Amino acid sequence: MRIWIDGDALPREARWILQKASRRLQVPMTFVANADLQIGNSALWQMVVVPTKSDAADQHIAQHVAPGDLVITADVPLAAEVVEKGAAAIDPRGKETTADDARAQLSMRNVMESLRSAGLVHGGPSEYGNADKQKFAAALDRWLTRNVRPKGR
């Protein structure tokens, strides 16, 4: 089991939550981004720097994810793709994508994208705040509790 992190838009606070959980449970993580995220030193953490072309990090994760892995991403198409492959997906605000709701999330994303390009909707997500951090930490903890056995127990 590995945690894959789409690091291009990952809030720093979410990274800290992930690193703490990785250390506590000895779960390996791979950060994938188009620039070095300076993730610190740990034998559990790997940094993969991909080309700066569009969706390069998403493509790398989709190619390497395995059933039972967890992917942290705010990218709805990537979340839907990894769920289809038997992995799990949680966004940095704590929203888990399931096989049942992946298509609905993709449809909603496409509608919102159309509305934005037509000028009917402006702006993006709100600033990442304490409530987002708490929801993410809780969703991550729930998933890890269901899927990871601590080493040595």
Protein backbone atom coordinates (compact mmCIF):
# COMPACT_ATOMS: atom_id res chain seq x y z
CA MET A 1 0.00 0.00 0.00
CA ARG A 2 1.28 3.42 -0.96
CA ILE A 3 -0.08 6.94 -0.72
CA TRP A 4 0.32 8.90 -3.97
CA ILE A 5 0.16 12.68 -3.69
CA ASP A 6 -0.68 14.96 -6.60
CA GLY A 7 1.57 17.70 -5.27
CA ASP A 8 1.10 20.47 -7.82
CA ALA A 9 -1.75 22.13 -5.88
CA LEU A 10 -1.39 20.45 -2.48
CA PRO A 11 -1.69 22.87 0.44
CA ARG A 12 1.37 22.79 2.72
CA GLU A 13 -0.83 22.00 5.73
CA ALA A 14 -2.18 18.86 4.01
CA ARG A 15 1.40 17.76 3.30
CA TRP A 16 2.25 18.06 7.01
CA ILE A 17 -0.81 15.98 7.94
CA LEU A 18 0.24 13.31 5.44
CA GLN A 19 3.83 13.24 6.66
CA LYS A 20 2.75 12.84 10.27
CA ALA A 21 0.43 9.94 9.36
CA SER A 22 3.14 8.32 7.22
CA ARG A 23 5.62 8.40 10.10
CA ARG A 24 3.10 7.14 12.64
CA LEU A 25 1.93 4.18 10.56
CA GLN A 26 5.11 3.64 8.48
CA VAL A 27 3.19 4.06 5.22
CA PRO A 28 5.27 4.93 2.13
CA MET A 29 4.31 8.00 0.14
CA THR A 30 5.20 9.29 -3.30
CA PHE A 31 4.83 12.99 -4.02
CA VAL A 32 4.46 13.77 -7.73
CA ALA A 33 4.75 17.35 -9.00
CA ASN A 34 6.34 19.44 -11.72
CA ALA A 35 8.78 20.95 -9.19
CA ASP A 36 10.65 19.63 -6.15
CA LEU A 37 8.41 20.13 -3.11
CA GLN A 38 11.23 19.92 -0.55
CA ILE A 39 9.46 17.14 1.34
CA GLY A 40 12.23 16.51 3.84
CA ASN A 41 14.17 13.36 4.53
CA SER A 42 12.49 10.07 5.24
CA ALA A 43 13.03 6.61 3.86
CA LEU A 44 9.22 6.48 3.57
CA TRP A 45 8.95 9.46 1.19
CA GLN A 46 9.82 9.71 -2.45
CA MET A 47 9.68 12.80 -4.67
CA VAL A 48 9.00 12.37 -8.39
CA VAL A 49 9.46 15.50 -10.49
CA VAL A 50 7.63 15.29 -13.83
CA PRO A 51 7.82 17.60 -16.87
CA THR A 52 5.86 20.85 -16.62
CA LYS A 53 3.39 19.83 -19.33
CA SER A 54 -0.29 19.78 -18.46
CA ASP A 55 -1.46 16.79 -16.40
CA ALA A 56 2.01 15.17 -16.26
CA ALA A 57 1.68 14.49 -12.52
CA ASP A 58 -1.81 13.04 -13.00
CA GLN A 59 -0.61 10.79 -15.80
CA HIS A 60 2.33 9.53 -13.73
CA ILE A 61 0.08 8.68 -10.79
CA ALA A 62 -2.53 7.00 -13.00
CA GLN A 63 0.17 4.84 -14.63
CA HIS A 64 1.72 3.70 -11.35
CA VAL A 65 -1.17 3.46 -8.88
CA ALA A 66 -2.16 -0.03 -7.75
CA PRO A 67 -5.36 -1.43 -6.24
CA GLY A 68 -5.42 -0.67 -2.52
CA ASP A 69 -3.33 2.51 -2.84
CA LEU A 70 -4.58 5.92 -1.76
CA VAL A 71 -4.32 9.01 -3.98
CA ILE A 72 -4.53 12.54 -2.60
CA THR A 73 -5.70 14.87 -5.36
CA ALA A 74 -8.06 17.75 -6.03
CA ASP A 75 -8.21 16.68 -9.69
CA VAL A 76 -11.62 15.10 -10.28
CA PRO A 77 -10.71 13.20 -13.49
CA LEU A 78 -7.64 11.69 -11.78
CA ALA A 79 -9.70 10.71 -8.73
CA ALA A 80 -12.27 9.00 -10.97
CA GLU A 81 -9.55 7.16 -12.90
CA VAL A 82 -7.74 5.81 -9.83
CA VAL A 83 -11.00 4.72 -8.19
CA GLU A 84 -11.80 2.79 -11.37
CA LYS A 85 -8.42 1.03 -10.96
CA GLY A 86 -9.24 -0.08 -7.40
CA ALA A 87 -7.42 2.66 -5.51
CA ALA A 88 -9.01 5.25 -3.24
CA ALA A 89 -9.01 9.03 -3.67
CA ILE A 90 -9.37 11.84 -1.14
CA ASP A 91 -9.07 15.52 -1.95
CA PRO A 92 -7.15 17.92 0.34
CA ARG A 93 -10.49 19.20 1.70
CA GLY A 94 -11.53 15.72 2.88
CA LYS A 95 -13.89 14.69 0.06
CA GLU A 96 -13.53 10.99 -0.73
CA THR A 97 -14.32 9.87 -4.26
CA THR A 98 -16.07 6.51 -4.43
CA ALA A 99 -16.94 4.33 -7.40
CA ASP A 100 -20.60 5.30 -6.84
CA ASP A 101 -20.07 9.06 -7.07
CA ALA A 102 -17.09 9.37 -9.46
CA ARG A 103 -19.28 9.89 -12.54
CA ALA A 104 -21.46 12.44 -10.74
CA GLN A 105 -18.37 14.38 -9.63
CA LEU A 106 -17.03 14.35 -13.20
CA SER A 107 -20.36 15.60 -14.55
CA MET A 108 -20.52 18.41 -12.00
CA ARG A 109 -16.93 19.40 -12.78
CA ASN A 110 -17.74 19.56 -16.48
CA VAL A 111 -20.86 21.66 -15.89
CA MET A 112 -18.93 24.10 -13.70
CA GLU A 113 -16.13 24.30 -16.25
CA SER A 114 -18.68 25.15 -18.96
CA LEU A 115 -20.29 27.81 -16.77
CA ARG A 116 -16.90 29.36 -16.01
CA SER A 117 -15.88 29.43 -19.68
CA ALA A 118 -19.23 31.06 -20.53
CA GLY A 119 -18.56 33.72 -17.90
CA LEU A 120 -21.54 32.70 -15.76
CA VAL A 121 -19.47 31.58 -12.78
CA HIS A 122 -16.35 33.32 -11.51
CA GLY A 123 -13.56 32.34 -9.16
CA GLY A 124 -12.40 29.04 -7.82
CA PRO A 125 -12.33 27.28 -4.49
CA SER A 126 -12.15 29.26 -1.27
CA GLU A 127 -8.92 29.66 0.68
CA TYR A 128 -7.72 26.50 2.45
CA GLY A 129 -8.71 27.01 6.09
CA ASN A 130 -8.83 25.26 9.45
CA ALA A 131 -12.12 23.51 8.67
CA ASP A 132 -10.59 22.11 5.46
CA LYS A 133 -7.54 20.84 7.36
CA GLN A 134 -9.76 19.17 9.96
CA LYS A 135 -11.96 17.52 7.33
CA PHE A 136 -8.91 16.27 5.45
CA ALA A 137 -7.23 14.93 8.59
CA ALA A 138 -10.45 13.17 9.62
CA ALA A 139 -11.01 11.63 6.16
CA LEU A 140 -7.38 10.47 5.99
CA ASP A 141 -7.56 9.00 9.49
CA ARG A 142 -10.80 7.14 8.68
CA TRP A 143 -9.29 5.67 5.51
CA LEU A 144 -6.03 4.69 7.21
CA THR A 145 -7.90 3.12 10.14
CA ARG A 146 -9.88 0.95 7.69
CA ASN A 147 -6.94 0.01 5.47
CA VAL A 148 -3.60 0.07 7.32
CA ARG A 149 -2.35 -2.10 10.13
CA PRO A 150 0.32 -0.36 12.21
CA LYS A 151 3.74 -2.03 11.97
CA GLY A 152 4.70 -4.21 14.93
CA ARG A 153 1.13 -4.87 16.09
